[in-house]
Protein backbone atom coordinates (compact mmCIF):
# COMPACT_ATOMS: atom_id res chain seq x y z
CA UNK A 1 0.00 0.00 0.00
CA UNK A 2 1.37 3.44 -0.90
CA UNK A 3 1.89 6.10 1.74
CA UNK A 4 -1.10 8.04 0.41
CA UNK A 5 -3.10 4.81 0.48
CA UNK A 6 -2.24 4.36 4.15
CA UNK A 7 -3.49 7.86 4.91
CA UNK A 8 -6.70 7.24 2.95
CA UNK A 9 -7.14 3.91 4.77
CA UNK A 10 -6.80 5.62 8.15
CA UNK A 11 -9.39 8.24 7.24
CA UNK A 12 -11.93 5.85 5.70
CA UNK A 13 -14.67 5.37 8.31
CA UNK A 14 -15.09 1.73 7.24
CA UNK A 15 -11.43 0.77 7.79
CA UNK A 16 -10.12 3.44 10.13
CA UNK A 17 -8.65 2.44 13.49
CA UNK A 18 -10.10 5.70 14.83
CA UNK A 19 -13.65 5.55 16.13
CA UNK A 20 -16.36 7.48 14.30
CA UNK A 21 -17.59 10.71 15.83
CA UNK A 22 -21.12 10.45 17.16
CA UNK A 23 -23.76 13.10 17.55
CA UNK A 24 -23.68 14.91 20.88
CA UNK A 25 -26.86 15.61 22.80
CA UNK A 26 -28.72 18.54 21.22
CA UNK A 27 -26.19 18.74 18.35
CA UNK A 28 -27.59 19.50 14.91
CA UNK A 29 -26.71 17.33 11.93
CA UNK A 30 -24.91 20.25 10.29
CA UNK A 31 -22.82 20.85 13.43
CA UNK A 32 -21.87 17.16 13.54
CA UNK A 33 -20.98 17.28 9.84
CA UNK A 34 -18.77 20.35 10.38
CA UNK A 35 -17.08 18.77 13.42
CA UNK A 36 -16.49 15.54 11.48
CA UNK A 37 -14.97 17.44 8.54
CA UNK A 38 -12.63 19.33 10.89
CA UNK A 39 -11.68 16.05 12.60
CA UNK A 40 -10.91 14.39 9.24
CA UNK A 41 -8.79 17.33 8.07
CA UNK A 42 -6.80 17.35 11.32
CA UNK A 43 -6.40 13.55 11.13
CA UNK A 44 -5.03 13.84 7.60
CA UNK A 45 -2.58 16.54 8.68
CA UNK A 46 -1.44 14.39 11.60
CA UNK A 47 -1.04 11.27 9.44
CA UNK A 48 1.01 13.22 6.89
CA UNK A 49 3.17 14.75 9.63
CA UNK A 50 3.89 11.33 11.13
CA UNK A 51 4.61 9.87 7.70
CA UNK A 52 6.91 12.70 6.64
CA UNK A 53 8.76 13.42 9.87
CA UNK A 54 8.34 10.91 12.66
CA UNK A 55 8.51 7.67 10.66
CA UNK A 56 11.81 8.55 9.02
CA UNK A 57 13.30 9.38 12.43
CA UNK A 58 12.34 6.15 14.18
CA UNK A 59 12.39 3.54 11.41
CA UNK A 60 16.10 2.83 11.80
CA UNK A 61 16.03 2.96 15.60
CA UNK A 62 12.97 0.81 16.28
CA UNK A 63 12.48 -2.65 14.84
CA UNK A 64 8.69 -2.49 14.51
CA UNK A 65 7.00 -5.26 12.59
CA UNK A 66 3.52 -4.82 14.07
CA UNK A 67 0.56 -3.67 12.02
CA UNK A 68 -1.44 -0.62 13.10
CA UNK A 69 -4.16 -2.95 14.43
CA UNK A 70 -1.62 -4.85 16.54
CA UNK A 71 -0.27 -1.59 17.96
CA UNK A 72 -3.79 -0.33 18.78
CA UNK A 73 -4.71 -3.66 20.40
CA UNK A 74 -1.54 -3.50 22.52
CA UNK A 75 -2.25 0.09 23.56
CA UNK A 76 -5.88 -0.73 24.43
CA UNK A 77 -4.84 -3.77 26.43
CA UNK A 78 -2.01 -2.00 28.22
CA UNK A 79 -3.48 1.43 28.91
CA UNK A 80 -7.28 0.98 28.98
PDB file of N, CA and C in Angstrom:
ATOM      1  N   UNK A   1       0.850  -1.176   0.000  1.00  0.00           N
ATOM      2  CA  UNK A   1       0.000   0.000   0.000  1.00  0.00           C
ATOM      3  C   UNK A   1       0.896   1.240   0.000  1.00  0.00           C
ATOM      4  N   UNK A   2       0.578   2.211  -0.838  1.00  0.00           N
ATOM      5  CA  UNK A   2       1.373   3.436  -0.903  1.00  0.00           C
ATOM      6  C   UNK A   2       1.169   4.259   0.365  1.00  0.00           C
ATOM      7  N   UNK A   3       2.035   5.245   0.563  1.00  0.00           N
ATOM      8  CA  UNK A   3       1.894   6.099   1.736  1.00  0.00           C
ATOM      9  C   UNK A   3       0.571   6.850   1.701  1.00  0.00           C
ATOM     10  N   UNK A   4       0.189   7.356   0.530  1.00  0.00           N
ATOM     11  CA  UNK A   4      -1.097   8.044   0.414  1.00  0.00           C
ATOM     12  C   UNK A   4      -2.236   7.072   0.681  1.00  0.00           C
ATOM     13  N   UNK A   5      -2.077   5.824   0.230  1.00  0.00           N
ATOM     14  CA  UNK A   5      -3.098   4.809   0.475  1.00  0.00           C
ATOM     15  C   UNK A   5      -3.274   4.534   1.954  1.00  0.00           C
ATOM     16  N   UNK A   6      -2.174   4.562   2.699  1.00  0.00           N
ATOM     17  CA  UNK A   6      -2.244   4.359   4.146  1.00  0.00           C
ATOM     18  C   UNK A   6      -3.029   5.489   4.787  1.00  0.00           C
ATOM     19  N   UNK A   7      -2.761   6.717   4.367  1.00  0.00           N
ATOM     20  CA  UNK A   7      -3.488   7.862   4.914  1.00  0.00           C
ATOM     21  C   UNK A   7      -4.968   7.739   4.590  1.00  0.00           C
ATOM     22  N   UNK A   8      -5.296   7.407   3.335  1.00  0.00           N
ATOM     23  CA  UNK A   8      -6.699   7.240   2.955  1.00  0.00           C
ATOM     24  C   UNK A   8      -7.348   6.134   3.773  1.00  0.00           C
ATOM     25  N   UNK A   9      -6.623   5.040   3.992  1.00  0.00           N
ATOM     26  CA  UNK A   9      -7.140   3.912   4.774  1.00  0.00           C
ATOM     27  C   UNK A   9      -7.460   4.355   6.199  1.00  0.00           C
ATOM     28  N   UNK A  10      -6.599   5.168   6.772  1.00  0.00           N
ATOM     29  CA  UNK A  10      -6.803   5.620   8.145  1.00  0.00           C
ATOM     30  C   UNK A  10      -7.975   6.585   8.266  1.00  0.00           C
ATOM     31  N   UNK A  11      -8.300   7.281   7.186  1.00  0.00           N
ATOM     32  CA  UNK A  11      -9.388   8.243   7.235  1.00  0.00           C
ATOM     33  C   UNK A  11     -10.712   7.666   6.761  1.00  0.00           C
ATOM     34  N   UNK A  12     -10.702   6.491   6.163  1.00  0.00           N
ATOM     35  CA  UNK A  12     -11.929   5.849   5.697  1.00  0.00           C
ATOM     36  C   UNK A  12     -12.692   5.329   6.910  1.00  0.00           C
ATOM     37  N   UNK A  13     -13.933   5.793   7.120  1.00  0.00           N
ATOM     38  CA  UNK A  13     -14.673   5.365   8.307  1.00  0.00           C
ATOM     39  C   UNK A  13     -14.921   3.860   8.377  1.00  0.00           C
ATOM     40  N   UNK A  14     -14.862   3.176   7.246  1.00  0.00           N
ATOM     41  CA  UNK A  14     -15.088   1.733   7.245  1.00  0.00           C
ATOM     42  C   UNK A  14     -13.852   0.954   7.699  1.00  0.00           C
ATOM     43  N   UNK A  15     -12.655   1.498   7.476  1.00  0.00           N
ATOM     44  CA  UNK A  15     -11.428   0.767   7.789  1.00  0.00           C
ATOM     45  C   UNK A  15     -10.564   1.455   8.835  1.00  0.00           C
ATOM     46  N   UNK A  16     -10.942   2.641   9.225  1.00  0.00           N
ATOM     47  CA  UNK A  16     -10.124   3.439  10.129  1.00  0.00           C
ATOM     48  C   UNK A  16     -10.012   2.825  11.518  1.00  0.00           C
ATOM     49  N   UNK A  17      -8.796   2.880  12.107  1.00  0.00           N
ATOM     50  CA  UNK A  17      -8.653   2.436  13.488  1.00  0.00           C
ATOM     51  C   UNK A  17      -9.223   3.440  14.478  1.00  0.00           C
ATOM     52  N   UNK A  18      -9.550   4.650  13.982  1.00  0.00           N
ATOM     53  CA  UNK A  18     -10.101   5.699  14.833  1.00  0.00           C
ATOM     54  C   UNK A  18     -11.616   5.559  14.869  1.00  0.00           C
ATOM     55  N   UNK A  19     -12.205   5.702  16.051  1.00  0.00           N
ATOM     56  CA  UNK A  19     -13.654   5.552  16.131  1.00  0.00           C
ATOM     57  C   UNK A  19     -14.363   6.721  15.467  1.00  0.00           C
ATOM     58  N   UNK A  20     -15.563   6.449  14.950  1.00  0.00           N
ATOM     59  CA  UNK A  20     -16.357   7.482  14.300  1.00  0.00           C
ATOM     60  C   UNK A  20     -16.904   8.448  15.339  1.00  0.00           C
ATOM     61  N   UNK A  21     -16.995   9.723  14.948  1.00  0.00           N
ATOM     62  CA  UNK A  21     -17.592  10.708  15.832  1.00  0.00           C
ATOM     63  C   UNK A  21     -19.094  10.479  15.867  1.00  0.00           C
ATOM     64  N   UNK A  22     -19.675  10.611  17.031  1.00  0.00           N
ATOM     65  CA  UNK A  22     -21.119  10.445  17.163  1.00  0.00           C
ATOM     66  C   UNK A  22     -21.749  11.763  17.568  1.00  0.00           C
ATOM     67  N   UNK A  23     -23.017  11.869  17.283  1.00  0.00           N
ATOM     68  CA  UNK A  23     -23.756  13.098  17.550  1.00  0.00           C
ATOM     69  C   UNK A  23     -23.874  13.323  19.056  1.00  0.00           C
ATOM     70  N   UNK A  24     -23.539  14.535  19.475  1.00  0.00           N
ATOM     71  CA  UNK A  24     -23.675  14.909  20.879  1.00  0.00           C
ATOM     72  C   UNK A  24     -25.135  15.267  21.155  1.00  0.00           C
ATOM     73  N   UNK A  25     -25.499  15.243  22.422  1.00  0.00           N
ATOM     74  CA  UNK A  25     -26.864  15.608  22.803  1.00  0.00           C
ATOM     75  C   UNK A  25     -27.150  17.038  22.343  1.00  0.00           C
ATOM     76  N   UNK A  26     -28.274  17.229  21.716  1.00  0.00           N
ATOM     77  CA  UNK A  26     -28.718  18.544  21.216  1.00  0.00           C
ATOM     78  C   UNK A  26     -27.819  19.112  20.119  1.00  0.00           C
ATOM     79  N   UNK A  27     -27.048  18.278  19.445  1.00  0.00           N
ATOM     80  CA  UNK A  27     -26.189  18.744  18.352  1.00  0.00           C
ATOM     81  C   UNK A  27     -26.931  18.566  17.029  1.00  0.00           C
ATOM     82  N   UNK A  28     -26.924  19.599  16.211  1.00  0.00           N
ATOM     83  CA  UNK A  28     -27.592  19.498  14.910  1.00  0.00           C
ATOM     84  C   UNK A  28     -26.760  18.642  13.964  1.00  0.00           C
ATOM     85  N   UNK A  29     -27.416  18.148  12.930  1.00  0.00           N
ATOM     86  CA  UNK A  29     -26.712  17.334  11.934  1.00  0.00           C
ATOM     87  C   UNK A  29     -25.630  18.140  11.237  1.00  0.00           C
ATOM     88  N   UNK A  30     -25.911  19.416  10.961  1.00  0.00           N
ATOM     89  CA  UNK A  30     -24.907  20.247  10.286  1.00  0.00           C
ATOM     90  C   UNK A  30     -23.703  20.506  11.195  1.00  0.00           C
ATOM     91  N   UNK A  31     -23.935  20.658  12.494  1.00  0.00           N
ATOM     92  CA  UNK A  31     -22.822  20.854  13.431  1.00  0.00           C
ATOM     93  C   UNK A  31     -21.968  19.593  13.516  1.00  0.00           C
ATOM     94  N   UNK A  32     -22.611  18.419  13.539  1.00  0.00           N
ATOM     95  CA  UNK A  32     -21.866  17.159  13.544  1.00  0.00           C
ATOM     96  C   UNK A  32     -21.060  17.022  12.262  1.00  0.00           C
ATOM     97  N   UNK A  33     -21.670  17.369  11.134  1.00  0.00           N
ATOM     98  CA  UNK A  33     -20.978  17.280   9.843  1.00  0.00           C
ATOM     99  C   UNK A  33     -19.747  18.189   9.837  1.00  0.00           C
ATOM    100  N   UNK A  34     -19.898  19.411  10.332  1.00  0.00           N
ATOM    101  CA  UNK A  34     -18.772  20.350  10.376  1.00  0.00           C
ATOM    102  C   UNK A  34     -17.676  19.832  11.309  1.00  0.00           C
ATOM    103  N   UNK A  35     -18.059  19.306  12.466  1.00  0.00           N
ATOM    104  CA  UNK A  35     -17.082  18.766  13.421  1.00  0.00           C
ATOM    105  C   UNK A  35     -16.355  17.560  12.832  1.00  0.00           C
ATOM    106  N   UNK A  36     -17.088  16.712  12.112  1.00  0.00           N
ATOM    107  CA  UNK A  36     -16.491  15.540  11.478  1.00  0.00           C
ATOM    108  C   UNK A  36     -15.509  15.959  10.393  1.00  0.00           C
ATOM    109  N   UNK A  37     -15.876  16.960   9.587  1.00  0.00           N
ATOM    110  CA  UNK A  37     -14.967  17.444   8.541  1.00  0.00           C
ATOM    111  C   UNK A  37     -13.687  18.003   9.149  1.00  0.00           C
ATOM    112  N   UNK A  38     -13.811  18.780  10.213  1.00  0.00           N
ATOM    113  CA  UNK A  38     -12.635  19.331  10.891  1.00  0.00           C
ATOM    114  C   UNK A  38     -11.769  18.206  11.441  1.00  0.00           C
ATOM    115  N   UNK A  39     -12.402  17.200  12.051  1.00  0.00           N
ATOM    116  CA  UNK A  39     -11.678  16.053  12.599  1.00  0.00           C
ATOM    117  C   UNK A  39     -10.914  15.331  11.495  1.00  0.00           C
ATOM    118  N   UNK A  40     -11.559  15.098  10.345  1.00  0.00           N
ATOM    119  CA  UNK A  40     -10.910  14.394   9.240  1.00  0.00           C
ATOM    120  C   UNK A  40      -9.730  15.183   8.679  1.00  0.00           C
ATOM    121  N   UNK A  41      -9.879  16.494   8.563  1.00  0.00           N
ATOM    122  CA  UNK A  41      -8.787  17.334   8.065  1.00  0.00           C
ATOM    123  C   UNK A  41      -7.607  17.279   9.030  1.00  0.00           C
ATOM    124  N   UNK A  42      -7.877  17.396  10.321  1.00  0.00           N
ATOM    125  CA  UNK A  42      -6.804  17.346  11.317  1.00  0.00           C
ATOM    126  C   UNK A  42      -6.155  15.964  11.352  1.00  0.00           C
ATOM    127  N   UNK A  43      -6.954  14.911  11.172  1.00  0.00           N
ATOM    128  CA  UNK A  43      -6.404  13.552  11.133  1.00  0.00           C
ATOM    129  C   UNK A  43      -5.476  13.382   9.941  1.00  0.00           C
ATOM    130  N   UNK A  44      -5.873  13.930   8.796  1.00  0.00           N
ATOM    131  CA  UNK A  44      -5.034  13.837   7.598  1.00  0.00           C
ATOM    132  C   UNK A  44      -3.724  14.585   7.808  1.00  0.00           C
ATOM    133  N   UNK A  45      -3.799  15.766   8.407  1.00  0.00           N
ATOM    134  CA  UNK A  45      -2.581  16.536   8.683  1.00  0.00           C
ATOM    135  C   UNK A  45      -1.653  15.758   9.616  1.00  0.00           C
ATOM    136  N   UNK A  46      -2.223  15.158  10.644  1.00  0.00           N
ATOM    137  CA  UNK A  46      -1.436  14.385  11.601  1.00  0.00           C
ATOM    138  C   UNK A  46      -0.794  13.181  10.938  1.00  0.00           C
ATOM    139  N   UNK A  47      -1.574  12.458  10.132  1.00  0.00           N
ATOM    140  CA  UNK A  47      -1.040  11.275   9.444  1.00  0.00           C
ATOM    141  C   UNK A  47       0.107  11.659   8.516  1.00  0.00           C
ATOM    142  N   UNK A  48      -0.049  12.769   7.803  1.00  0.00           N
ATOM    143  CA  UNK A  48       1.014  13.219   6.895  1.00  0.00           C
ATOM    144  C   UNK A  48       2.250  13.666   7.682  1.00  0.00           C
ATOM    145  N   UNK A  49       2.042  14.329   8.809  1.00  0.00           N
ATOM    146  CA  UNK A  49       3.168  14.752   9.633  1.00  0.00           C
ATOM    147  C   UNK A  49       3.953  13.542  10.130  1.00  0.00           C
ATOM    148  N   UNK A  50       3.233  12.544  10.639  1.00  0.00           N
ATOM    149  CA  UNK A  50       3.895  11.332  11.127  1.00  0.00           C
ATOM    150  C   UNK A  50       4.636  10.654   9.991  1.00  0.00           C
ATOM    151  N   UNK A  51       3.976  10.527   8.845  1.00  0.00           N
ATOM    152  CA  UNK A  51       4.612   9.868   7.702  1.00  0.00           C
ATOM    153  C   UNK A  51       5.873  10.603   7.274  1.00  0.00           C
ATOM    154  N   UNK A  52       5.800  11.917   7.181  1.00  0.00           N
ATOM    155  CA  UNK A  52       6.910  12.697   6.637  1.00  0.00           C
ATOM    156  C   UNK A  52       8.045  12.935   7.630  1.00  0.00           C
ATOM    157  N   UNK A  53       7.734  13.032   8.914  1.00  0.00           N
ATOM    158  CA  UNK A  53       8.763  13.417   9.873  1.00  0.00           C
ATOM    159  C   UNK A  53       9.092  12.342  10.899  1.00  0.00           C
ATOM    160  N   UNK A  54       8.095  11.843  11.554  1.00  0.00           N
ATOM    161  CA  UNK A  54       8.338  10.911  12.656  1.00  0.00           C
ATOM    162  C   UNK A  54       8.818   9.561  12.150  1.00  0.00           C
ATOM    163  N   UNK A  55       8.156   9.001  11.145  1.00  0.00           N
ATOM    164  CA  UNK A  55       8.505   7.668  10.655  1.00  0.00           C
ATOM    165  C   UNK A  55       9.964   7.596  10.232  1.00  0.00           C
ATOM    166  N   UNK A  56      10.424   8.589   9.498  1.00  0.00           N
ATOM    167  CA  UNK A  56      11.808   8.553   9.024  1.00  0.00           C
ATOM    168  C   UNK A  56      12.807   8.626  10.179  1.00  0.00           C
ATOM    169  N   UNK A  57      12.411   9.266  11.278  1.00  0.00           N
ATOM    170  CA  UNK A  57      13.299   9.383  12.433  1.00  0.00           C
ATOM    171  C   UNK A  57      13.413   8.080  13.215  1.00  0.00           C
ATOM    172  N   UNK A  58      12.327   7.328  13.314  1.00  0.00           N
ATOM    173  CA  UNK A  58      12.342   6.148  14.181  1.00  0.00           C
ATOM    174  C   UNK A  58      12.510   4.826  13.442  1.00  0.00           C
ATOM    175  N   UNK A  59      12.374   4.817  12.134  1.00  0.00           N
ATOM    176  CA  UNK A  59      12.389   3.535  11.410  1.00  0.00           C
ATOM    177  C   UNK A  59      13.706   2.786  11.562  1.00  0.00           C
ATOM    178  N   UNK A  60      14.811   3.497  11.655  1.00  0.00           N
ATOM    179  CA  UNK A  60      16.103   2.834  11.796  1.00  0.00           C
ATOM    180  C   UNK A  60      16.438   2.503  13.254  1.00  0.00           C
ATOM    181  N   UNK A  61      15.765   3.163  14.182  1.00  0.00           N
ATOM    182  CA  UNK A  61      16.032   2.956  15.598  1.00  0.00           C
ATOM    183  C   UNK A  61      15.168   1.825  16.157  1.00  0.00           C
ATOM    184  N   UNK A  62      13.909   1.798  15.755  1.00  0.00           N
ATOM    185  CA  UNK A  62      12.973   0.806  16.277  1.00  0.00           C
ATOM    186  C   UNK A  62      12.744  -0.297  15.254  1.00  0.00           C
ATOM    187  N   UNK A  63      12.742  -1.513  15.716  1.00  0.00           N
ATOM    188  CA  UNK A  63      12.481  -2.654  14.843  1.00  0.00           C
ATOM    189  C   UNK A  63      11.012  -3.044  14.999  1.00  0.00           C
ATOM    190  N   UNK A  64      10.133  -2.278  14.362  1.00  0.00           N
ATOM    191  CA  UNK A  64       8.693  -2.491  14.510  1.00  0.00           C
ATOM    192  C   UNK A  64       8.174  -3.284  13.324  1.00  0.00           C
ATOM    193  N   UNK A  65       7.589  -4.427  13.632  1.00  0.00           N
ATOM    194  CA  UNK A  65       6.996  -5.259  12.591  1.00  0.00           C
ATOM    195  C   UNK A  65       5.494  -5.422  12.800  1.00  0.00           C
ATOM    196  N   UNK A  66       4.941  -4.724  13.784  1.00  0.00           N
ATOM    197  CA  UNK A  66       3.516  -4.817  14.072  1.00  0.00           C
ATOM    198  C   UNK A  66       2.713  -4.007  13.066  1.00  0.00           C
ATOM    199  N   UNK A  67       1.493  -4.451  12.831  1.00  0.00           N
ATOM    200  CA  UNK A  67       0.565  -3.667  12.022  1.00  0.00           C
ATOM    201  C   UNK A  67      -0.070  -2.615  12.926  1.00  0.00           C
ATOM    202  N   UNK A  68      -0.754  -1.656  12.315  1.00  0.00           N
ATOM    203  CA  UNK A  68      -1.440  -0.625  13.098  1.00  0.00           C
ATOM    204  C   UNK A  68      -2.461  -1.254  14.041  1.00  0.00           C
ATOM    205  N   UNK A  69      -3.165  -2.287  13.577  1.00  0.00           N
ATOM    206  CA  UNK A  69      -4.163  -2.945  14.427  1.00  0.00           C
ATOM    207  C   UNK A  69      -3.503  -3.622  15.624  1.00  0.00           C
ATOM    208  N   UNK A  70      -2.334  -4.220  15.426  1.00  0.00           N
ATOM    209  CA  UNK A  70      -1.624  -4.850  16.542  1.00  0.00           C
ATOM    210  C   UNK A  70      -1.176  -3.796  17.553  1.00  0.00           C
ATOM    211  N   UNK A  71      -0.702  -2.670  17.063  1.00  0.00           N
ATOM    212  CA  UNK A  71      -0.274  -1.592  17.956  1.00  0.00           C
ATOM    213  C   UNK A  71      -1.463  -1.073  18.753  1.00  0.00           C
ATOM    214  N   UNK A  72      -2.602  -0.829  18.082  1.00  0.00           N
ATOM    215  CA  UNK A  72      -3.786  -0.332  18.777  1.00  0.00           C
ATOM    216  C   UNK A  72      -4.292  -1.341  19.804  1.00  0.00           C
ATOM    217  N   UNK A  73      -4.278  -2.620  19.455  1.00  0.00           N
ATOM    218  CA  UNK A  73      -4.709  -3.655  20.401  1.00  0.00           C
ATOM    219  C   UNK A  73      -3.800  -3.663  21.628  1.00  0.00           C
ATOM    220  N   UNK A  74      -2.494  -3.546  21.410  1.00  0.00           N
ATOM    221  CA  UNK A  74      -1.542  -3.501  22.516  1.00  0.00           C
ATOM    222  C   UNK A  74      -1.802  -2.282  23.409  1.00  0.00           C
ATOM    223  N   UNK A  75      -2.008  -1.121  22.790  1.00  0.00           N
ATOM    224  CA  UNK A  75      -2.254   0.091  23.565  1.00  0.00           C
ATOM    225  C   UNK A  75      -3.553  -0.011  24.352  1.00  0.00           C
ATOM    226  N   UNK A  76      -4.610  -0.548  23.721  1.00  0.00           N
ATOM    227  CA  UNK A  76      -5.883  -0.733  24.426  1.00  0.00           C
ATOM    228  C   UNK A  76      -5.718  -1.671  25.613  1.00  0.00           C
ATOM    229  N   UNK A  77      -5.028  -2.768  25.388  1.00  0.00           N
ATOM    230  CA  UNK A  77      -4.840  -3.774  26.429  1.00  0.00           C
ATOM    231  C   UNK A  77      -3.976  -3.234  27.571  1.00  0.00           C
ATOM    232  N   UNK A  78      -2.958  -2.481  27.228  1.00  0.00           N
ATOM    233  CA  UNK A  78      -2.006  -2.003  28.222  1.00  0.00           C
ATOM    234  C   UNK A  78      -2.500  -0.776  28.984  1.00  0.00           C
ATOM    235  N   UNK A  79      -3.165   0.146  28.299  1.00  0.00           N
ATOM    236  CA  UNK A  79      -3.484   1.434  28.912  1.00  0.00           C
ATOM    237  C   UNK A  79      -4.968   1.692  29.117  1.00  0.00           C
ATOM    238  N   UNK A  80      -5.834   0.751  28.785  1.00  0.00           N
ATOM    239  CA  UNK A  80      -7.276   0.979  28.984  1.00  0.00           C
ATOM    240  C   UNK A  80      -7.686   0.685  30.398  1.00  0.00           C
TER     241      UNK A  80
END
